[in-house]
């Protein structure tokens, strides 16, 4: 399963979409987590960057209604993770 994680410039979970610098794409199979790709967040290409993912993880995902609807229309579950800022640990918590 593919999981997208929004991170800031320090590679920690971003506080919101405006704080996001990159989208990290991970593959998780049981307890194995593998970093697959890093995509620079560009508003126009954000949906295409996460299209194949099952989840998107961030501390708070506050987007415009159009982007939020596009994410849910693709069947991607939005997860707000407040317990950690570490992307790998956030994936383990899913």
PDB file of N, CA and C in Angstrom:
ATOM      1  N   UNK A   1       0.843  -1.159   0.000  1.00  0.00           N
ATOM      2  CA  UNK A   1       0.000   0.000   0.000  1.00  0.00           C
ATOM      3  C   UNK A   1       0.894   1.228   0.000  1.00  0.00           C
ATOM      4  N   UNK A   2       0.510   2.231  -0.789  1.00  0.00           N
ATOM      5  CA  UNK A   2       1.263   3.476  -0.871  1.00  0.00           C
ATOM      6  C   UNK A   2       0.659   4.517   0.059  1.00  0.00           C
ATOM      7  N   UNK A   3       1.545   5.249   0.728  1.00  0.00           N
ATOM      8  CA  UNK A   3       1.135   6.276   1.684  1.00  0.00           C
ATOM      9  C   UNK A   3       1.889   7.555   1.375  1.00  0.00           C
ATOM     10  N   UNK A   4       1.167   8.660   1.264  1.00  0.00           N
ATOM     11  CA  UNK A   4       1.777   9.976   1.048  1.00  0.00           C
ATOM     12  C   UNK A   4       1.885  10.678   2.401  1.00  0.00           C
ATOM     13  N   UNK A   5       3.009  11.352   2.620  1.00  0.00           N
ATOM     14  CA  UNK A   5       3.225  12.097   3.854  1.00  0.00           C
ATOM     15  C   UNK A   5       3.683  13.498   3.480  1.00  0.00           C
ATOM     16  N   UNK A   6       2.987  14.509   3.997  1.00  0.00           N
ATOM     17  CA  UNK A   6       3.392  15.889   3.723  1.00  0.00           C
ATOM     18  C   UNK A   6       4.423  16.305   4.761  1.00  0.00           C
ATOM     19  N   UNK A   7       5.555  16.855   4.288  1.00  0.00           N
ATOM     20  CA  UNK A   7       6.631  17.265   5.190  1.00  0.00           C
ATOM     21  C   UNK A   7       7.054  18.701   4.904  1.00  0.00           C
ATOM     22  N   UNK A   8       7.656  19.313   5.923  1.00  0.00           N
ATOM     23  CA  UNK A   8       8.156  20.680   5.782  1.00  0.00           C
ATOM     24  C   UNK A   8       9.619  20.648   5.361  1.00  0.00           C
ATOM     25  N   UNK A   9      10.288  21.786   5.421  1.00  0.00           N
ATOM     26  CA  UNK A   9      11.679  21.853   4.943  1.00  0.00           C
ATOM     27  C   UNK A   9      12.649  21.073   5.823  1.00  0.00           C
ATOM     28  N   UNK A  10      12.262  20.748   7.081  1.00  0.00           N
ATOM     29  CA  UNK A  10      13.105  19.923   7.956  1.00  0.00           C
ATOM     30  C   UNK A  10      12.791  18.437   7.824  1.00  0.00           C
ATOM     31  N   UNK A  11      11.941  18.075   6.873  1.00  0.00           N
ATOM     32  CA  UNK A  11      11.512  16.687   6.632  1.00  0.00           C
ATOM     33  C   UNK A  11      10.736  16.111   7.820  1.00  0.00           C
ATOM     34  N   UNK A  12       9.996  16.973   8.510  1.00  0.00           N
ATOM     35  CA  UNK A  12       9.091  16.571   9.584  1.00  0.00           C
ATOM     36  C   UNK A  12       7.664  16.786   9.094  1.00  0.00           C
ATOM     37  N   UNK A  13       6.691  16.102   9.703  1.00  0.00           N
ATOM     38  CA  UNK A  13       5.303  16.288   9.287  1.00  0.00           C
ATOM     39  C   UNK A  13       4.963  17.765   9.283  1.00  0.00           C
ATOM     40  N   UNK A  14       4.389  18.212   8.196  1.00  0.00           N
ATOM     41  CA  UNK A  14       4.060  19.634   8.074  1.00  0.00           C
ATOM     42  C   UNK A  14       2.836  19.970   8.907  1.00  0.00           C
ATOM     43  N   UNK A  15       2.786  21.210   9.356  1.00  0.00           N
ATOM     44  CA  UNK A  15       1.682  21.659  10.194  1.00  0.00           C
ATOM     45  C   UNK A  15       0.399  21.823   9.392  1.00  0.00           C
ATOM     46  N   UNK A  16       0.524  22.224   8.125  1.00  0.00           N
ATOM     47  CA  UNK A  16      -0.639  22.414   7.254  1.00  0.00           C
ATOM     48  C   UNK A  16      -0.156  22.394   5.812  1.00  0.00           C
ATOM     49  N   UNK A  17      -1.053  22.556   4.884  1.00  0.00           N
ATOM     50  CA  UNK A  17      -0.678  22.484   3.468  1.00  0.00           C
ATOM     51  C   UNK A  17       0.213  23.654   3.049  1.00  0.00           C
ATOM     52  N   UNK A  18       0.055  24.812   3.663  1.00  0.00           N
ATOM     53  CA  UNK A  18       0.901  25.951   3.319  1.00  0.00           C
ATOM     54  C   UNK A  18       2.337  25.735   3.777  1.00  0.00           C
ATOM     55  N   UNK A  19       2.523  24.970   4.855  1.00  0.00           N
ATOM     56  CA  UNK A  19       3.836  24.674   5.415  1.00  0.00           C
ATOM     57  C   UNK A  19       4.539  23.543   4.658  1.00  0.00           C
ATOM     58  N   UNK A  20       3.817  22.837   3.812  1.00  0.00           N
ATOM     59  CA  UNK A  20       4.353  21.667   3.113  1.00  0.00           C
ATOM     60  C   UNK A  20       5.335  22.067   2.021  1.00  0.00           C
ATOM     61  N   UNK A  21       6.514  21.442   2.064  1.00  0.00           N
ATOM     62  CA  UNK A  21       7.532  21.632   1.038  1.00  0.00           C
ATOM     63  C   UNK A  21       7.579  20.448   0.071  1.00  0.00           C
ATOM     64  N   UNK A  22       7.439  19.235   0.608  1.00  0.00           N
ATOM     65  CA  UNK A  22       7.534  18.019  -0.188  1.00  0.00           C
ATOM     66  C   UNK A  22       6.446  17.036   0.216  1.00  0.00           C
ATOM     67  N   UNK A  23       6.177  16.122  -0.692  1.00  0.00           N
ATOM     68  CA  UNK A  23       5.303  14.992  -0.411  1.00  0.00           C
ATOM     69  C   UNK A  23       6.164  13.745  -0.568  1.00  0.00           C
ATOM     70  N   UNK A  24       6.320  13.009   0.540  1.00  0.00           N
ATOM     71  CA  UNK A  24       7.085  11.776   0.510  1.00  0.00           C
ATOM     72  C   UNK A  24       6.124  10.623   0.251  1.00  0.00           C
ATOM     73  N   UNK A  25       6.510   9.733  -0.640  1.00  0.00           N
ATOM     74  CA  UNK A  25       5.697   8.572  -0.958  1.00  0.00           C
ATOM     75  C   UNK A  25       6.399   7.338  -0.392  1.00  0.00           C
ATOM     76  N   UNK A  26       5.672   6.588   0.434  1.00  0.00           N
ATOM     77  CA  UNK A  26       6.201   5.385   1.061  1.00  0.00           C
ATOM     78  C   UNK A  26       5.373   4.180   0.638  1.00  0.00           C
ATOM     79  N   UNK A  27       6.022   3.028   0.651  1.00  0.00           N
ATOM     80  CA  UNK A  27       5.337   1.762   0.471  1.00  0.00           C
ATOM     81  C   UNK A  27       5.386   1.044   1.812  1.00  0.00           C
ATOM     82  N   UNK A  28       4.228   0.574   2.242  1.00  0.00           N
ATOM     83  CA  UNK A  28       4.185  -0.185   3.493  1.00  0.00           C
ATOM     84  C   UNK A  28       3.603  -1.552   3.218  1.00  0.00           C
ATOM     85  N   UNK A  29       4.356  -2.551   3.602  1.00  0.00           N
ATOM     86  CA  UNK A  29       3.909  -3.929   3.485  1.00  0.00           C
ATOM     87  C   UNK A  29       4.172  -4.573   4.842  1.00  0.00           C
ATOM     88  N   UNK A  30       3.102  -4.798   5.588  1.00  0.00           N
ATOM     89  CA  UNK A  30       3.176  -5.291   6.958  1.00  0.00           C
ATOM     90  C   UNK A  30       4.001  -4.293   7.789  1.00  0.00           C
ATOM     91  N   UNK A  31       5.109  -4.719   8.372  1.00  0.00           N
ATOM     92  CA  UNK A  31       5.925  -3.811   9.188  1.00  0.00           C
ATOM     93  C   UNK A  31       7.060  -3.158   8.407  1.00  0.00           C
ATOM     94  N   UNK A  32       7.198  -3.498   7.133  1.00  0.00           N
ATOM     95  CA  UNK A  32       8.275  -2.932   6.321  1.00  0.00           C
ATOM     96  C   UNK A  32       7.809  -1.636   5.664  1.00  0.00           C
ATOM     97  N   UNK A  33       8.578  -0.596   5.875  1.00  0.00           N
ATOM     98  CA  UNK A  33       8.279   0.707   5.277  1.00  0.00           C
ATOM     99  C   UNK A  33       9.461   1.097   4.408  1.00  0.00           C
ATOM    100  N   UNK A  34       9.164   1.456   3.163  1.00  0.00           N
ATOM    101  CA  UNK A  34      10.224   1.809   2.220  1.00  0.00           C
ATOM    102  C   UNK A  34       9.875   3.141   1.567  1.00  0.00           C
ATOM    103  N   UNK A  35      10.840   4.071   1.589  1.00  0.00           N
ATOM    104  CA  UNK A  35      10.659   5.357   0.919  1.00  0.00           C
ATOM    105  C   UNK A  35      10.803   5.132  -0.585  1.00  0.00           C
ATOM    106  N   UNK A  36       9.812   5.561  -1.348  1.00  0.00           N
ATOM    107  CA  UNK A  36       9.808   5.315  -2.788  1.00  0.00           C
ATOM    108  C   UNK A  36      10.159   6.568  -3.578  1.00  0.00           C
ATOM    109  N   UNK A  37       9.578   7.703  -3.198  1.00  0.00           N
ATOM    110  CA  UNK A  37       9.740   8.909  -4.010  1.00  0.00           C
ATOM    111  C   UNK A  37       9.541  10.152  -3.154  1.00  0.00           C
ATOM    112  N   UNK A  38      10.164  11.242  -3.589  1.00  0.00           N
ATOM    113  CA  UNK A  38       9.963  12.558  -2.990  1.00  0.00           C
ATOM    114  C   UNK A  38       9.498  13.484  -4.091  1.00  0.00           C
ATOM    115  N   UNK A  39       8.366  14.114  -3.876  1.00  0.00           N
ATOM    116  CA  UNK A  39       7.832  15.032  -4.874  1.00  0.00           C
ATOM    117  C   UNK A  39       7.739  16.415  -4.261  1.00  0.00           C
ATOM    118  N   UNK A  40       8.204  17.406  -5.019  1.00  0.00           N
ATOM    119  CA  UNK A  40       8.076  18.784  -4.570  1.00  0.00           C
ATOM    120  C   UNK A  40       6.611  19.177  -4.690  1.00  0.00           C
ATOM    121  N   UNK A  41       6.070  19.763  -3.641  1.00  0.00           N
ATOM    122  CA  UNK A  41       4.641  20.102  -3.655  1.00  0.00           C
ATOM    123  C   UNK A  41       4.388  21.295  -4.571  1.00  0.00           C
ATOM    124  N   UNK A  42       3.666  21.047  -5.605  1.00  0.00           N
ATOM    125  CA  UNK A  42       3.200  22.091  -6.514  1.00  0.00           C
ATOM    126  C   UNK A  42       1.680  21.981  -6.517  1.00  0.00           C
ATOM    127  N   UNK A  43       1.003  23.058  -6.233  1.00  0.00           N
ATOM    128  CA  UNK A  43      -0.455  23.032  -6.071  1.00  0.00           C
ATOM    129  C   UNK A  43      -1.153  22.349  -7.238  1.00  0.00           C
ATOM    130  N   UNK A  44      -0.747  22.673  -8.466  1.00  0.00           N
ATOM    131  CA  UNK A  44      -1.427  22.118  -9.635  1.00  0.00           C
ATOM    132  C   UNK A  44      -1.182  20.618  -9.788  1.00  0.00           C
ATOM    133  N   UNK A  45      -0.058  20.127  -9.288  1.00  0.00           N
ATOM    134  CA  UNK A  45       0.308  18.735  -9.480  1.00  0.00           C
ATOM    135  C   UNK A  45       0.149  17.906  -8.203  1.00  0.00           C
ATOM    136  N   UNK A  46      -0.384  18.504  -7.150  1.00  0.00           N
ATOM    137  CA  UNK A  46      -0.490  17.811  -5.864  1.00  0.00           C
ATOM    138  C   UNK A  46      -1.344  16.551  -5.972  1.00  0.00           C
ATOM    139  N   UNK A  47      -2.481  16.646  -6.603  1.00  0.00           N
ATOM    140  CA  UNK A  47      -3.384  15.491  -6.728  1.00  0.00           C
ATOM    141  C   UNK A  47      -2.723  14.383  -7.540  1.00  0.00           C
ATOM    142  N   UNK A  48      -2.031  14.725  -8.614  1.00  0.00           N
ATOM    143  CA  UNK A  48      -1.342  13.706  -9.415  1.00  0.00           C
ATOM    144  C   UNK A  48      -0.219  13.038  -8.629  1.00  0.00           C
ATOM    145  N   UNK A  49       0.417  13.773  -7.715  1.00  0.00           N
ATOM    146  CA  UNK A  49       1.513  13.217  -6.925  1.00  0.00           C
ATOM    147  C   UNK A  49       1.032  12.134  -5.966  1.00  0.00           C
ATOM    148  N   UNK A  50      -0.205  12.261  -5.482  1.00  0.00           N
ATOM    149  CA  UNK A  50      -0.711  11.305  -4.499  1.00  0.00           C
ATOM    150  C   UNK A  50      -1.770  10.366  -5.060  1.00  0.00           C
ATOM    151  N   UNK A  51      -2.005  10.409  -6.334  1.00  0.00           N
ATOM    152  CA  UNK A  51      -3.093   9.670  -6.982  1.00  0.00           C
ATOM    153  C   UNK A  51      -3.119   8.175  -6.638  1.00  0.00           C
ATOM    154  N   UNK A  52      -1.986   7.517  -6.566  1.00  0.00           N
ATOM    155  CA  UNK A  52      -1.938   6.067  -6.353  1.00  0.00           C
ATOM    156  C   UNK A  52      -1.905   5.669  -4.878  1.00  0.00           C
ATOM    157  N   UNK A  53      -1.950   6.644  -3.978  1.00  0.00           N
ATOM    158  CA  UNK A  53      -1.834   6.363  -2.553  1.00  0.00           C
ATOM    159  C   UNK A  53      -3.184   5.992  -1.940  1.00  0.00           C
ATOM    160  N   UNK A  54      -3.109   5.250  -0.859  1.00  0.00           N
ATOM    161  CA  UNK A  54      -4.310   4.861  -0.131  1.00  0.00           C
ATOM    162  C   UNK A  54      -4.577   5.835   1.024  1.00  0.00           C
ATOM    163  N   UNK A  55      -3.503   6.415   1.586  1.00  0.00           N
ATOM    164  CA  UNK A  55      -3.605   7.361   2.693  1.00  0.00           C
ATOM    165  C   UNK A  55      -2.737   8.585   2.414  1.00  0.00           C
ATOM    166  N   UNK A  56      -3.105   9.706   3.030  1.00  0.00           N
ATOM    167  CA  UNK A  56      -2.243  10.876   3.075  1.00  0.00           C
ATOM    168  C   UNK A  56      -2.183  11.300   4.537  1.00  0.00           C
ATOM    169  N   UNK A  57      -0.958  11.503   5.042  1.00  0.00           N
ATOM    170  CA  UNK A  57      -0.742  11.802   6.447  1.00  0.00           C
ATOM    171  C   UNK A  57      -0.129  13.193   6.573  1.00  0.00           C
ATOM    172  N   UNK A  58      -0.682  13.969   7.495  1.00  0.00           N
ATOM    173  CA  UNK A  58      -0.161  15.294   7.826  1.00  0.00           C
ATOM    174  C   UNK A  58      -0.633  15.625   9.232  1.00  0.00           C
ATOM    175  N   UNK A  59      -0.088  16.669   9.819  1.00  0.00           N
ATOM    176  CA  UNK A  59      -0.586  17.067  11.146  1.00  0.00           C
ATOM    177  C   UNK A  59      -1.999  17.631  11.017  1.00  0.00           C
ATOM    178  N   UNK A  60      -2.194  18.539  10.108  1.00  0.00           N
ATOM    179  CA  UNK A  60      -3.517  19.095   9.822  1.00  0.00           C
ATOM    180  C   UNK A  60      -3.599  19.295   8.317  1.00  0.00           C
ATOM    181  N   UNK A  61      -4.595  18.760   7.693  1.00  0.00           N
ATOM    182  CA  UNK A  61      -4.755  18.987   6.262  1.00  0.00           C
ATOM    183  C   UNK A  61      -5.929  19.933   6.081  1.00  0.00           C
ATOM    184  N   UNK A  62      -5.591  21.184   5.881  1.00  0.00           N
ATOM    185  CA  UNK A  62      -6.598  22.199   5.602  1.00  0.00           C
ATOM    186  C   UNK A  62      -6.366  22.658   4.176  1.00  0.00           C
ATOM    187  N   UNK A  63      -7.216  22.247   3.288  1.00  0.00           N
ATOM    188  CA  UNK A  63      -7.088  22.617   1.885  1.00  0.00           C
ATOM    189  C   UNK A  63      -8.375  23.285   1.442  1.00  0.00           C
ATOM    190  N   UNK A  64      -8.320  23.824   0.254  1.00  0.00           N
ATOM    191  CA  UNK A  64      -9.550  24.375  -0.296  1.00  0.00           C
ATOM    192  C   UNK A  64     -10.509  23.224  -0.592  1.00  0.00           C
ATOM    193  N   UNK A  65     -11.765  23.542  -0.727  1.00  0.00           N
ATOM    194  CA  UNK A  65     -12.803  22.529  -0.914  1.00  0.00           C
ATOM    195  C   UNK A  65     -12.560  21.678  -2.155  1.00  0.00           C
ATOM    196  N   UNK A  66     -12.085  22.297  -3.230  1.00  0.00           N
ATOM    197  CA  UNK A  66     -11.835  21.566  -4.474  1.00  0.00           C
ATOM    198  C   UNK A  66     -10.764  20.491  -4.281  1.00  0.00           C
ATOM    199  N   UNK A  67      -9.654  20.825  -3.618  1.00  0.00           N
ATOM    200  CA  UNK A  67      -8.584  19.858  -3.384  1.00  0.00           C
ATOM    201  C   UNK A  67      -9.047  18.766  -2.433  1.00  0.00           C
ATOM    202  N   UNK A  68      -9.747  19.141  -1.385  1.00  0.00           N
ATOM    203  CA  UNK A  68     -10.259  18.161  -0.426  1.00  0.00           C
ATOM    204  C   UNK A  68     -11.205  17.174  -1.099  1.00  0.00           C
ATOM    205  N   UNK A  69     -12.089  17.673  -1.940  1.00  0.00           N
ATOM    206  CA  UNK A  69     -13.007  16.798  -2.675  1.00  0.00           C
ATOM    207  C   UNK A  69     -12.261  15.891  -3.643  1.00  0.00           C
ATOM    208  N   UNK A  70     -11.231  16.407  -4.298  1.00  0.00           N
ATOM    209  CA  UNK A  70     -10.449  15.593  -5.240  1.00  0.00           C
ATOM    210  C   UNK A  70      -9.744  14.454  -4.507  1.00  0.00           C
ATOM    211  N   UNK A  71      -9.241  14.727  -3.301  1.00  0.00           N
ATOM    212  CA  UNK A  71      -8.569  13.693  -2.512  1.00  0.00           C
ATOM    213  C   UNK A  71      -9.555  12.595  -2.136  1.00  0.00           C
ATOM    214  N   UNK A  72     -10.703  12.980  -1.628  1.00  0.00           N
ATOM    215  CA  UNK A  72     -11.684  11.968  -1.215  1.00  0.00           C
ATOM    216  C   UNK A  72     -12.309  11.258  -2.415  1.00  0.00           C
ATOM    217  N   UNK A  73     -12.452  11.933  -3.543  1.00  0.00           N
ATOM    218  CA  UNK A  73     -12.987  11.284  -4.745  1.00  0.00           C
ATOM    219  C   UNK A  73     -12.071  10.171  -5.248  1.00  0.00           C
ATOM    220  N   UNK A  74     -10.771  10.307  -5.006  1.00  0.00           N
ATOM    221  CA  UNK A  74      -9.820   9.273  -5.402  1.00  0.00           C
ATOM    222  C   UNK A  74      -9.816   8.100  -4.423  1.00  0.00           C
ATOM    223  N   UNK A  75     -10.566   8.215  -3.336  1.00  0.00           N
ATOM    224  CA  UNK A  75     -10.605   7.147  -2.337  1.00  0.00           C
ATOM    225  C   UNK A  75      -9.442   7.193  -1.368  1.00  0.00           C
ATOM    226  N   UNK A  76      -8.768   8.328  -1.285  1.00  0.00           N
ATOM    227  CA  UNK A  76      -7.630   8.481  -0.385  1.00  0.00           C
ATOM    228  C   UNK A  76      -8.149   8.925   0.973  1.00  0.00           C
ATOM    229  N   UNK A  77      -7.742   8.212   2.009  1.00  0.00           N
ATOM    230  CA  UNK A  77      -8.153   8.548   3.365  1.00  0.00           C
ATOM    231  C   UNK A  77      -7.178   9.575   3.944  1.00  0.00           C
ATOM    232  N   UNK A  78      -7.710  10.659   4.487  1.00  0.00           N
ATOM    233  CA  UNK A  78      -6.902  11.721   5.084  1.00  0.00           C
ATOM    234  C   UNK A  78      -6.707  11.407   6.558  1.00  0.00           C
ATOM    235  N   UNK A  79      -5.435  11.360   6.995  1.00  0.00           N
ATOM    236  CA  UNK A  79      -5.121  11.071   8.391  1.00  0.00           C
ATOM    237  C   UNK A  79      -4.374  12.271   8.980  1.00  0.00           C
ATOM    238  N   UNK A  80      -4.929  12.830  10.046  1.00  0.00           N
ATOM    239  CA  UNK A  80      -4.258  13.901  10.780  1.00  0.00           C
ATOM    240  C   UNK A  80      -3.526  13.264  11.950  1.00  0.00           C
ATOM    241  N   UNK A  81      -2.204  13.366  11.938  1.00  0.00           N
ATOM    242  CA  UNK A  81      -1.379  12.730  12.966  1.00  0.00           C
ATOM    243  C   UNK A  81      -0.802  13.799  13.893  1.00  0.00           C
ATOM    244  N   UNK A  82      -1.239  13.784  15.141  1.00  0.00           N
ATOM    245  CA  UNK A  82      -0.798  14.779  16.107  1.00  0.00           C
ATOM    246  C   UNK A  82       0.184  14.223  17.133  1.00  0.00           C
ATOM    247  N   UNK A  83       0.410  12.915  17.142  1.00  0.00           N
ATOM    248  CA  UNK A  83       1.265  12.302  18.166  1.00  0.00           C
ATOM    249  C   UNK A  83       2.746  12.392  17.859  1.00  0.00           C
ATOM    250  N   UNK A  84       3.118  12.585  16.601  1.00  0.00           N
ATOM    251  CA  UNK A  84       4.524  12.627  16.233  1.00  0.00           C
ATOM    252  C   UNK A  84       4.712  13.538  15.025  1.00  0.00           C
ATOM    253  N   UNK A  85       5.959  13.975  14.822  1.00  0.00           N
ATOM    254  CA  UNK A  85       6.292  14.725  13.611  1.00  0.00           C
ATOM    255  C   UNK A  85       7.199  13.904  12.703  1.00  0.00           C
ATOM    256  N   UNK A  86       7.576  12.707  13.145  1.00  0.00           N
ATOM    257  CA  UNK A  86       8.448  11.819  12.379  1.00  0.00           C
ATOM    258  C   UNK A  86       7.625  11.066  11.334  1.00  0.00           C
ATOM    259  N   UNK A  87       7.935  11.239  10.042  1.00  0.00           N
ATOM    260  CA  UNK A  87       7.142  10.586   8.990  1.00  0.00           C
ATOM    261  C   UNK A  87       7.111   9.051   9.097  1.00  0.00           C
ATOM    262  N   UNK A  88       8.250   8.426   9.391  1.00  0.00           N
ATOM    263  CA  UNK A  88       8.285   6.973   9.490  1.00  0.00           C
ATOM    264  C   UNK A  88       7.424   6.478  10.653  1.00  0.00           C
ATOM    265  N   UNK A  89       7.516   7.128  11.787  1.00  0.00           N
ATOM    266  CA  UNK A  89       6.724   6.715  12.945  1.00  0.00           C
ATOM    267  C   UNK A  89       5.235   6.953  12.694  1.00  0.00           C
ATOM    268  N   UNK A  90       4.910   8.050  12.012  1.00  0.00           N
ATOM    269  CA  UNK A  90       3.504   8.336  11.691  1.00  0.00           C
ATOM    270  C   UNK A  90       2.905   7.219  10.843  1.00  0.00           C
ATOM    271  N   UNK A  91       3.680   6.671   9.924  1.00  0.00           N
ATOM    272  CA  UNK A  91       3.196   5.568   9.096  1.00  0.00           C
ATOM    273  C   UNK A  91       3.006   4.315   9.939  1.00  0.00           C
ATOM    274  N   UNK A  92       3.902   4.071  10.868  1.00  0.00           N
ATOM    275  CA  UNK A  92       3.770   2.903  11.746  1.00  0.00           C
ATOM    276  C   UNK A  92       2.508   2.983  12.602  1.00  0.00           C
ATOM    277  N   UNK A  93       2.050   4.193  12.903  1.00  0.00           N
ATOM    278  CA  UNK A  93       0.865   4.369  13.742  1.00  0.00           C
ATOM    279  C   UNK A  93      -0.443   4.103  13.005  1.00  0.00           C
ATOM    280  N   UNK A  94      -0.388   3.998  11.682  1.00  0.00           N
ATOM    281  CA  UNK A  94      -1.610   3.751  10.907  1.00  0.00           C
ATOM    282  C   UNK A  94      -2.073   2.327  11.144  1.00  0.00           C
TER     283      UNK A  94
END
